[in-house]
Amino acid sequence: MKYSIYELATYGFDPLHAFWERERTQRAVAGVLVACFIAALIGIELGNRGWLPDFIALKTPDNHYHAIGIAFTLVLFLEVISLIFVLPCSFSKSVGKQFEILCLILMRNSFKELVNFPEPITFTGDMTSIYKILSDGTGAFAVFVLLGIYYKIQRPGPSLKPTFKFRYVASKKLVALLLLAIFTVLGIYNLICPLMGKHYFDFFSIFYTILIFSDILLVLISQRFLPSFHAVFRNSGFALVTLLIRLALAAPPFYNAALGVISAGFAVLLTLAYNTFYQNKS
């Protein structure tokens, strides 16, 4: 029996999605996060006491606050996987998930500044780190609020004939499978970089760059099934939002939070304009 590319994409994506969303899987993943955080704290403590082999101690941070950054990084990896599985749903849900990740990245940046403080934590008189904590924390909160507004104003998307809808969703599932493969390869490569004498790279910045291209691809795919001007403009606007988020990740402190808030505000205004003027035309 021959299967179309749409059927193959669906048969490949759906079992993976069901496995990831399963309650047992989510509980197991949460347990792994807790274990990794505790292991990081113990490893840093052992390194500080000189109880680790030299080749491990050289790569082990000496500040316990690094464990918080490790925990947040693992959470972000999981959120990126969830983002990939959300892609076939709709552009709006995908953008919402990207803002959730941006919120967590800004929050992680705030906690990462703790490594500049002594243990136990005391005020050293240097306000630079405090300003960065306030900037990233405030930016994360502002994006969090705008994200709530963004979700609140969402409306059902345009309807398609069942056959067209299956092909449209299956096409996006194929893109999601490709992204999942790229995510896996990048993650493995980043883990083995130290073994090859290379430094870790900024995984999330690189992956968001890839998301820009995937969003453009999804815009072109959507134009095949939703060729109207306002639908193409809306989807292209959401692709621009991904670009703004990528710029926020690459920007220096203070500017990153501002760009994040601007990108969230742009998404809210775009959704309001589409719902007000073009929703009925869909």
C-alpha atoms as a PDB file:
ATOM      1  CA  MET A   1       0.000   0.000   0.000  1.00  0.00           C
ATOM      2  CA  LYS A   2       1.369   3.403  -0.979  1.00  0.00           C
ATOM      3  CA  TYR A   3       1.122   6.371   1.358  1.00  0.00           C
ATOM      4  CA  SER A   4       1.212  10.026   0.424  1.00  0.00           C
ATOM      5  CA  ILE A   5       3.743  12.401   1.992  1.00  0.00           C
ATOM      6  CA  TYR A   6       0.900  13.871   4.045  1.00  0.00           C
ATOM      7  CA  GLU A   7      -0.012  10.477   5.503  1.00  0.00           C
ATOM      8  CA  LEU A   8       3.617   9.615   6.253  1.00  0.00           C
ATOM      9  CA  ALA A   9       4.108  12.933   8.056  1.00  0.00           C
ATOM     10  CA  THR A  10       0.972  12.337  10.106  1.00  0.00           C
ATOM     11  CA  TYR A  11       1.908   8.750  10.996  1.00  0.00           C
ATOM     12  CA  GLY A  12       5.374   9.913  12.035  1.00  0.00           C
ATOM     13  CA  PHE A  13       4.312  12.987  14.007  1.00  0.00           C
ATOM     14  CA  ASP A  14       1.198  11.865  15.874  1.00  0.00           C
ATOM     15  CA  PRO A  15       2.766   9.003  17.919  1.00  0.00           C
ATOM     16  CA  LEU A  16       5.652  11.241  18.986  1.00  0.00           C
ATOM     17  CA  HIS A  17       3.245  14.009  19.973  1.00  0.00           C
ATOM     18  CA  ALA A  18       1.046  11.593  21.930  1.00  0.00           C
ATOM     19  CA  PHE A  19       4.085  10.179  23.741  1.00  0.00           C
ATOM     20  CA  TRP A  20       5.363  13.639  24.691  1.00  0.00           C
ATOM     21  CA  GLU A  21       1.982  14.851  25.964  1.00  0.00           C
ATOM     22  CA  ARG A  22       1.360  11.701  27.997  1.00  0.00           C
ATOM     23  CA  GLU A  23       1.043  12.337  31.734  1.00  0.00           C
ATOM     24  CA  ARG A  24       3.572   9.627  32.557  1.00  0.00           C
ATOM     25  CA  THR A  25       6.128  11.234  30.245  1.00  0.00           C
ATOM     26  CA  GLN A  26       5.626  14.666  31.786  1.00  0.00           C
ATOM     27  CA  ARG A  27       6.028  13.280  35.315  1.00  0.00           C
ATOM     28  CA  ALA A  28       9.209  11.456  34.305  1.00  0.00           C
ATOM     29  CA  VAL A  29      10.620  14.592  32.708  1.00  0.00           C
ATOM     30  CA  ALA A  30       9.828  16.633  35.828  1.00  0.00           C
ATOM     31  CA  GLY A  31      11.630  14.014  37.932  1.00  0.00           C
ATOM     32  CA  VAL A  32      14.688  14.250  35.700  1.00  0.00           C
ATOM     33  CA  LEU A  33      14.739  18.036  36.116  1.00  0.00           C
ATOM     34  CA  VAL A  34      14.695  17.758  39.903  1.00  0.00           C
ATOM     35  CA  ALA A  35      17.435  15.101  39.833  1.00  0.00           C
ATOM     36  CA  CYS A  36      19.630  17.214  37.527  1.00  0.00           C
ATOM     37  CA  PHE A  37      19.257  20.290  39.738  1.00  0.00           C
ATOM     38  CA  ILE A  38      20.208  18.364  42.877  1.00  0.00           C
ATOM     39  CA  ALA A  39      23.064  16.625  41.066  1.00  0.00           C
ATOM     40  CA  ALA A  40      24.395  20.000  39.898  1.00  0.00           C
ATOM     41  CA  LEU A  41      24.346  21.365  43.460  1.00  0.00           C
ATOM     42  CA  ILE A  42      26.107  18.271  44.791  1.00  0.00           C
ATOM     43  CA  GLY A  43      28.670  18.308  41.986  1.00  0.00           C
ATOM     44  CA  ILE A  44      29.523  21.974  42.588  1.00  0.00           C
ATOM     45  CA  GLU A  45      29.884  21.326  46.326  1.00  0.00           C
ATOM     46  CA  LEU A  46      32.147  18.331  45.727  1.00  0.00           C
ATOM     47  CA  GLY A  47      34.243  20.416  43.362  1.00  0.00           C
ATOM     48  CA  ASN A  48      34.611  23.187  45.929  1.00  0.00           C
ATOM     49  CA  ARG A  49      35.823  20.638  48.485  1.00  0.00           C
ATOM     50  CA  GLY A  50      38.334  19.167  46.035  1.00  0.00           C
ATOM     51  CA  TRP A  51      36.679  15.755  45.946  1.00  0.00           C
ATOM     52  CA  LEU A  52      36.307  15.534  42.169  1.00  0.00           C
ATOM     53  CA  PRO A  53      38.894  14.239  39.671  1.00  0.00           C
ATOM     54  CA  ASP A  54      40.904  17.034  38.111  1.00  0.00           C
ATOM     55  CA  PHE A  55      39.520  16.573  34.591  1.00  0.00           C
ATOM     56  CA  ILE A  56      35.970  16.944  35.970  1.00  0.00           C
ATOM     57  CA  ALA A  57      36.814  19.684  38.473  1.00  0.00           C
ATOM     58  CA  LEU A  58      38.226  21.872  35.688  1.00  0.00           C
ATOM     59  CA  LYS A  59      34.827  21.900  33.964  1.00  0.00           C
ATOM     60  CA  THR A  60      32.764  22.263  37.151  1.00  0.00           C
ATOM     61  CA  PRO A  61      31.705  25.789  38.208  1.00  0.00           C
ATOM     62  CA  ASP A  62      32.639  26.906  41.702  1.00  0.00           C
ATOM     63  CA  ASN A  63      29.483  28.903  42.406  1.00  0.00           C
ATOM     64  CA  HIS A  64      26.288  27.142  43.491  1.00  0.00           C
ATOM     65  CA  TYR A  65      24.180  29.713  41.642  1.00  0.00           C
ATOM     66  CA  HIS A  66      25.267  28.058  38.391  1.00  0.00           C
ATOM     67  CA  ALA A  67      22.925  25.189  39.257  1.00  0.00           C
ATOM     68  CA  ILE A  68      19.958  27.551  38.824  1.00  0.00           C
ATOM     69  CA  GLY A  69      21.096  28.405  35.307  1.00  0.00           C
ATOM     70  CA  ILE A  70      21.469  24.702  34.503  1.00  0.00           C
ATOM     71  CA  ALA A  71      17.932  24.002  35.740  1.00  0.00           C
ATOM     72  CA  PHE A  72      16.438  26.853  33.692  1.00  0.00           C
ATOM     73  CA  THR A  73      18.357  25.722  30.602  1.00  0.00           C
ATOM     74  CA  LEU A  74      16.865  22.241  30.901  1.00  0.00           C
ATOM     75  CA  VAL A  75      13.381  23.737  31.287  1.00  0.00           C
ATOM     76  CA  LEU A  76      13.969  25.772  28.124  1.00  0.00           C
ATOM     77  CA  PHE A  77      14.974  22.651  26.199  1.00  0.00           C
ATOM     78  CA  LEU A  78      11.678  21.054  27.178  1.00  0.00           C
ATOM     79  CA  GLU A  79       9.747  24.174  26.175  1.00  0.00           C
ATOM     80  CA  VAL A  80      11.425  24.145  22.753  1.00  0.00           C
ATOM     81  CA  ILE A  81      10.285  20.549  22.259  1.00  0.00           C
ATOM     82  CA  SER A  82       6.742  21.608  23.183  1.00  0.00           C
ATOM     83  CA  LEU A  83       7.030  24.477  20.700  1.00  0.00           C
ATOM     84  CA  ILE A  84       7.901  22.044  17.918  1.00  0.00           C
ATOM     85  CA  PHE A  85       4.839  19.941  18.708  1.00  0.00           C
ATOM     86  CA  VAL A  86       2.631  23.073  18.744  1.00  0.00           C
ATOM     87  CA  LEU A  87       3.725  24.194  15.259  1.00  0.00           C
ATOM     88  CA  PRO A  88       1.098  22.152  13.350  1.00  0.00           C
ATOM     89  CA  CYS A  89      -1.725  23.638  15.445  1.00  0.00           C
ATOM     90  CA  SER A  90      -1.663  27.252  14.253  1.00  0.00           C
ATOM     91  CA  PHE A  91       0.623  30.240  13.775  1.00  0.00           C
ATOM     92  CA  SER A  92      -0.942  31.990  16.751  1.00  0.00           C
ATOM     93  CA  LYS A  93      -0.306  29.109  19.175  1.00  0.00           C
ATOM     94  CA  SER A  94       3.236  28.734  17.867  1.00  0.00           C
ATOM     95  CA  VAL A  95       3.957  32.432  18.455  1.00  0.00           C
ATOM     96  CA  GLY A  96       2.420  32.204  21.934  1.00  0.00           C
ATOM     97  CA  LYS A  97       4.741  29.319  22.796  1.00  0.00           C
ATOM     98  CA  GLN A  98       7.706  31.329  21.519  1.00  0.00           C
ATOM     99  CA  PHE A  99       6.787  34.153  23.893  1.00  0.00           C
ATOM    100  CA  GLU A 100       6.573  31.644  26.748  1.00  0.00           C
ATOM    101  CA  ILE A 101      10.133  30.601  25.927  1.00  0.00           C
ATOM    102  CA  LEU A 102      11.226  34.247  25.711  1.00  0.00           C
ATOM    103  CA  CYS A 103       9.764  34.879  29.181  1.00  0.00           C
ATOM    104  CA  LEU A 104      11.752  31.966  30.593  1.00  0.00           C
ATOM    105  CA  ILE A 105      14.952  33.071  28.830  1.00  0.00           C
ATOM    106  CA  LEU A 106      14.660  36.588  30.291  1.00  0.00           C
ATOM    107  CA  MET A 107      13.959  35.089  33.708  1.00  0.00           C
ATOM    108  CA  ARG A 108      16.955  32.789  33.344  1.00  0.00           C
ATOM    109  CA  ASN A 109      19.121  35.789  32.454  1.00  0.00           C
ATOM    110  CA  SER A 110      18.042  37.421  35.724  1.00  0.00           C
ATOM    111  CA  PHE A 111      19.084  34.387  37.757  1.00  0.00           C
ATOM    112  CA  LYS A 112      22.343  34.030  35.818  1.00  0.00           C
ATOM    113  CA  GLU A 113      23.446  37.369  37.246  1.00  0.00           C
ATOM    114  CA  LEU A 114      23.555  35.732  40.681  1.00  0.00           C
ATOM    115  CA  VAL A 115      26.947  34.238  39.811  1.00  0.00           C
ATOM    116  CA  ASN A 116      28.367  37.756  40.243  1.00  0.00           C
ATOM    117  CA  PHE A 117      27.340  37.755  43.921  1.00  0.00           C
ATOM    118  CA  PRO A 118      29.214  36.062  46.756  1.00  0.00           C
ATOM    119  CA  GLU A 119      27.891  33.115  48.767  1.00  0.00           C
ATOM    120  CA  PRO A 120      25.955  33.653  50.961  1.00  0.00           C
ATOM    121  CA  ILE A 121      24.399  36.419  48.906  1.00  0.00           C
ATOM    122  CA  THR A 122      25.239  39.949  50.096  1.00  0.00           C
ATOM    123  CA  PHE A 123      25.070  43.412  48.612  1.00  0.00           C
ATOM    124  CA  THR A 124      28.483  44.291  47.192  1.00  0.00           C
ATOM    125  CA  GLY A 125      27.707  47.858  46.132  1.00  0.00           C
ATOM    126  CA  ASP A 126      27.985  47.071  42.412  1.00  0.00           C
ATOM    127  CA  MET A 127      24.632  48.030  40.891  1.00  0.00           C
ATOM    128  CA  THR A 128      25.350  46.693  37.375  1.00  0.00           C
ATOM    129  CA  SER A 129      24.139  43.168  38.089  1.00  0.00           C
ATOM    130  CA  ILE A 130      21.114  44.475  39.987  1.00  0.00           C
ATOM    131  CA  TYR A 131      20.133  46.684  37.050  1.00  0.00           C
ATOM    132  CA  LYS A 132      20.403  43.686  34.720  1.00  0.00           C
ATOM    133  CA  ILE A 133      18.274  41.558  37.065  1.00  0.00           C
ATOM    134  CA  LEU A 134      15.626  44.283  37.227  1.00  0.00           C
ATOM    135  CA  SER A 135      15.705  44.837  33.454  1.00  0.00           C
ATOM    136  CA  ASP A 136      15.343  41.171  32.502  1.00  0.00           C
ATOM    137  CA  GLY A 137      12.822  40.479  35.276  1.00  0.00           C
ATOM    138  CA  THR A 138      10.667  43.469  34.346  1.00  0.00           C
ATOM    139  CA  GLY A 139      10.902  42.558  30.663  1.00  0.00           C
ATOM    140  CA  ALA A 140       9.837  38.981  31.424  1.00  0.00           C
ATOM    141  CA  PHE A 141       6.866  40.241  33.436  1.00  0.00           C
ATOM    142  CA  ALA A 142       5.814  42.684  30.706  1.00  0.00           C
ATOM    143  CA  VAL A 143       5.968  39.944  28.057  1.00  0.00           C
ATOM    144  CA  PHE A 144       4.032  37.669  30.446  1.00  0.00           C
ATOM    145  CA  VAL A 145       1.227  40.256  30.731  1.00  0.00           C
ATOM    146  CA  LEU A 146       1.142  40.934  26.979  1.00  0.00           C
ATOM    147  CA  LEU A 147       1.086  37.188  26.367  1.00  0.00           C
ATOM    148  CA  GLY A 148      -2.033  36.943  28.538  1.00  0.00           C
ATOM    149  CA  ILE A 149      -3.682  39.652  26.437  1.00  0.00           C
ATOM    150  CA  TYR A 150      -2.516  37.892  23.266  1.00  0.00           C
ATOM    151  CA  TYR A 151      -4.141  34.603  24.322  1.00  0.00           C
ATOM    152  CA  LYS A 152      -7.290  36.430  25.464  1.00  0.00           C
ATOM    153  CA  ILE A 153      -7.959  38.030  22.072  1.00  0.00           C
ATOM    154  CA  GLN A 154      -7.408  34.928  19.949  1.00  0.00           C
ATOM    155  CA  ARG A 155     -10.263  33.866  17.678  1.00  0.00           C
ATOM    156  CA  PRO A 156     -10.864  30.637  15.717  1.00  0.00           C
ATOM    157  CA  GLY A 157      -8.932  30.518  12.474  1.00  0.00           C
ATOM    158  CA  PRO A 158     -10.416  30.289   8.980  1.00  0.00           C
ATOM    159  CA  SER A 159     -12.202  27.061   8.111  1.00  0.00           C
ATOM    160  CA  LEU A 160     -10.995  24.736   5.358  1.00  0.00           C
ATOM    161  CA  LYS A 161     -12.471  21.788   3.554  1.00  0.00           C
ATOM    162  CA  PRO A 162     -11.578  18.515   5.360  1.00  0.00           C
ATOM    163  CA  THR A 163      -9.239  17.377   2.582  1.00  0.00           C
ATOM    164  CA  PHE A 164      -7.426  20.719   2.437  1.00  0.00           C
ATOM    165  CA  LYS A 165      -7.246  20.884   6.229  1.00  0.00           C
ATOM    166  CA  PHE A 166      -5.640  17.436   6.452  1.00  0.00           C
ATOM    167  CA  ARG A 167      -3.025  18.360   3.859  1.00  0.00           C
ATOM    168  CA  TYR A 168      -2.369  21.745   5.441  1.00  0.00           C
ATOM    169  CA  VAL A 169      -1.877  20.319   8.935  1.00  0.00           C
ATOM    170  CA  ALA A 170       0.145  17.379   7.596  1.00  0.00           C
ATOM    171  CA  SER A 171       2.459  19.796   5.763  1.00  0.00           C
ATOM    172  CA  LYS A 172       3.116  21.620   9.028  1.00  0.00           C
ATOM    173  CA  LYS A 173       3.700  18.277  10.771  1.00  0.00           C
ATOM    174  CA  LEU A 174       6.382  17.503   8.212  1.00  0.00           C
ATOM    175  CA  VAL A 175       8.094  20.820   8.999  1.00  0.00           C
ATOM    176  CA  ALA A 176       7.810  20.033  12.720  1.00  0.00           C
ATOM    177  CA  LEU A 177       9.475  16.637  12.195  1.00  0.00           C
ATOM    178  CA  LEU A 178      12.352  18.317  10.353  1.00  0.00           C
ATOM    179  CA  LEU A 179      12.726  20.827  13.200  1.00  0.00           C
ATOM    180  CA  LEU A 180      12.697  18.005  15.740  1.00  0.00           C
ATOM    181  CA  ALA A 181      15.518  16.282  13.844  1.00  0.00           C
ATOM    182  CA  ILE A 182      17.526  19.524  13.687  1.00  0.00           C
ATOM    183  CA  PHE A 183      16.876  20.124  17.395  1.00  0.00           C
ATOM    184  CA  THR A 184      18.182  16.647  18.238  1.00  0.00           C
ATOM    185  CA  VAL A 185      21.312  17.014  16.104  1.00  0.00           C
ATOM    186  CA  LEU A 186      22.113  20.472  17.521  1.00  0.00           C
ATOM    187  CA  GLY A 187      21.561  19.266  21.086  1.00  0.00           C
ATOM    188  CA  ILE A 188      23.842  16.240  20.670  1.00  0.00           C
ATOM    189  CA  TYR A 189      26.507  18.325  18.933  1.00  0.00           C
ATOM    190  CA  ASN A 190      26.429  20.909  21.710  1.00  0.00           C
ATOM    191  CA  LEU A 191      26.888  18.181  24.315  1.00  0.00           C
ATOM    192  CA  ILE A 192      29.927  16.666  22.602  1.00  0.00           C
ATOM    193  CA  CYS A 193      31.584  20.022  21.825  1.00  0.00           C
ATOM    194  CA  PRO A 194      33.731  19.925  25.017  1.00  0.00           C
ATOM    195  CA  LEU A 195      34.919  16.427  24.058  1.00  0.00           C
ATOM    196  CA  MET A 196      36.204  17.880  20.773  1.00  0.00           C
ATOM    197  CA  GLY A 197      37.885  20.802  22.522  1.00  0.00           C
ATOM    198  CA  LYS A 198      35.228  23.308  21.410  1.00  0.00           C
ATOM    199  CA  HIS A 199      33.113  25.691  23.463  1.00  0.00           C
ATOM    200  CA  TYR A 200      29.377  25.380  23.919  1.00  0.00           C
ATOM    201  CA  PHE A 201      27.409  27.525  21.458  1.00  0.00           C
ATOM    202  CA  ASP A 202      24.266  29.510  22.197  1.00  0.00           C
ATOM    203  CA  PHE A 203      21.752  26.807  21.373  1.00  0.00           C
ATOM    204  CA  PHE A 204      18.612  28.933  21.700  1.00  0.00           C
ATOM    205  CA  SER A 205      19.890  31.765  19.510  1.00  0.00           C
ATOM    206  CA  ILE A 206      20.812  29.330  16.751  1.00  0.00           C
ATOM    207  CA  PHE A 207      17.509  27.479  17.023  1.00  0.00           C
ATOM    208  CA  TYR A 208      15.528  30.728  16.860  1.00  0.00           C
ATOM    209  CA  THR A 209      17.448  31.616  13.705  1.00  0.00           C
ATOM    210  CA  ILE A 210      16.314  28.294  12.247  1.00  0.00           C
ATOM    211  CA  LEU A 211      12.768  29.110  13.365  1.00  0.00           C
ATOM    212  CA  ILE A 212      12.843  32.263  11.221  1.00  0.00           C
ATOM    213  CA  PHE A 213      13.411  30.137   8.118  1.00  0.00           C
ATOM    214  CA  SER A 214      10.832  27.559   9.200  1.00  0.00           C
ATOM    215  CA  ASP A 215       8.264  30.317   9.755  1.00  0.00           C
ATOM    216  CA  ILE A 216       8.866  31.669   6.251  1.00  0.00           C
ATOM    217  CA  LEU A 217       8.422  28.125   4.939  1.00  0.00           C
ATOM    218  CA  LEU A 218       5.150  27.834   6.861  1.00  0.00           C
ATOM    219  CA  VAL A 219       4.000  31.164   5.409  1.00  0.00           C
ATOM    220  CA  LEU A 220       4.601  29.815   1.902  1.00  0.00           C
ATOM    221  CA  ILE A 221       2.806  26.578   2.763  1.00  0.00           C
ATOM    222  CA  SER A 222      -0.154  28.462   4.217  1.00  0.00           C
ATOM    223  CA  GLN A 223      -0.408  30.600   1.073  1.00  0.00           C
ATOM    224  CA  ARG A 224      -1.146  27.421  -0.864  1.00  0.00           C
ATOM    225  CA  PHE A 225      -4.201  26.713   1.294  1.00  0.00           C
ATOM    226  CA  LEU A 226      -5.062  30.252   2.516  1.00  0.00           C
ATOM    227  CA  PRO A 227      -4.131  32.518  -0.388  1.00  0.00           C
ATOM    228  CA  SER A 228      -6.050  35.628   0.761  1.00  0.00           C
ATOM    229  CA  PHE A 229      -3.999  38.780   1.334  1.00  0.00           C
ATOM    230  CA  HIS A 230      -4.996  39.275   4.991  1.00  0.00           C
ATOM    231  CA  ALA A 231      -4.153  35.659   5.913  1.00  0.00           C
ATOM    232  CA  VAL A 232      -0.735  35.893   4.236  1.00  0.00           C
ATOM    233  CA  PHE A 233      -0.059  39.261   5.887  1.00  0.00           C
ATOM    234  CA  ARG A 234      -1.046  37.920   9.325  1.00  0.00           C
ATOM    235  CA  ASN A 235       1.203  34.873   8.989  1.00  0.00           C
ATOM    236  CA  SER A 236       4.062  36.998   7.636  1.00  0.00           C
ATOM    237  CA  GLY A 237       3.607  39.324  10.616  1.00  0.00           C
ATOM    238  CA  PHE A 238       3.970  36.399  12.974  1.00  0.00           C
ATOM    239  CA  ALA A 239       7.165  35.410  11.150  1.00  0.00           C
ATOM    240  CA  LEU A 240       8.397  38.975  11.772  1.00  0.00           C
ATOM    241  CA  VAL A 241       7.619  38.476  15.455  1.00  0.00           C
ATOM    242  CA  THR A 242       9.975  35.470  15.448  1.00  0.00           C
ATOM    243  CA  LEU A 243      12.667  37.691  13.918  1.00  0.00           C
ATOM    244  CA  LEU A 244      12.171  40.304  16.654  1.00  0.00           C
ATOM    245  CA  ILE A 245      12.438  37.612  19.326  1.00  0.00           C
ATOM    246  CA  ARG A 246      15.679  36.398  17.717  1.00  0.00           C
ATOM    247  CA  LEU A 247      17.035  39.960  17.809  1.00  0.00           C
ATOM    248  CA  ALA A 248      16.030  40.184  21.467  1.00  0.00           C
ATOM    249  CA  LEU A 249      18.076  37.058  22.206  1.00  0.00           C
ATOM    250  CA  ALA A 250      21.108  38.522  20.431  1.00  0.00           C
ATOM    251  CA  ALA A 251      20.828  42.019  21.920  1.00  0.00           C
ATOM    252  CA  PRO A 252      22.928  43.166  24.902  1.00  0.00           C
ATOM    253  CA  PRO A 253      21.397  43.650  28.371  1.00  0.00           C
ATOM    254  CA  PHE A 254      18.595  46.218  28.642  1.00  0.00           C
ATOM    255  CA  TYR A 255      18.021  46.217  24.869  1.00  0.00           C
ATOM    256  CA  ASN A 256      17.057  42.535  24.939  1.00  0.00           C
ATOM    257  CA  ALA A 257      14.181  43.142  27.359  1.00  0.00           C
ATOM    258  CA  ALA A 258      12.986  46.166  25.371  1.00  0.00           C
ATOM    259  CA  LEU A 259      12.985  44.217  22.103  1.00  0.00           C
ATOM    260  CA  GLY A 260      11.140  41.354  23.774  1.00  0.00           C
ATOM    261  CA  VAL A 261       8.393  43.684  24.984  1.00  0.00           C
ATOM    262  CA  ILE A 262       8.178  45.370  21.562  1.00  0.00           C
ATOM    263  CA  SER A 263       7.804  41.980  19.833  1.00  0.00           C
ATOM    264  CA  ALA A 264       5.003  40.971  22.220  1.00  0.00           C
ATOM    265  CA  GLY A 265       3.250  44.313  21.739  1.00  0.00           C
ATOM    266  CA  PHE A 266       3.518  43.949  17.972  1.00  0.00           C
ATOM    267  CA  ALA A 267       1.916  40.473  18.127  1.00  0.00           C
ATOM    268  CA  VAL A 268      -0.968  41.832  20.224  1.00  0.00           C
ATOM    269  CA  LEU A 269      -1.597  44.767  17.850  1.00  0.00           C
ATOM    270  CA  LEU A 270      -1.389  42.509  14.792  1.00  0.00           C
ATOM    271  CA  THR A 271      -3.948  40.121  16.296  1.00  0.00           C
ATOM    272  CA  LEU A 272      -6.282  42.975  17.257  1.00  0.00           C
ATOM    273  CA  ALA A 273      -6.109  44.463  13.758  1.00  0.00           C
ATOM    274  CA  TYR A 274      -6.755  41.097  12.113  1.00  0.00           C
ATOM    275  CA  ASN A 275      -9.694  40.293  14.409  1.00  0.00           C
ATOM    276  CA  THR A 276     -11.239  43.730  13.949  1.00  0.00           C
ATOM    277  CA  PHE A 277     -10.952  44.210  10.208  1.00  0.00           C
ATOM    278  CA  TYR A 278     -10.421  40.816   8.573  1.00  0.00           C
ATOM    279  CA  GLN A 279     -11.743  38.014  10.789  1.00  0.00           C
ATOM    280  CA  ASN A 280     -15.172  37.894   9.119  1.00  0.00           C
ATOM    281  CA  LYS A 281     -13.613  37.842   5.645  1.00  0.00           C
ATOM    282  CA  SER A 282     -11.863  34.579   6.470  1.00  0.00           C
END
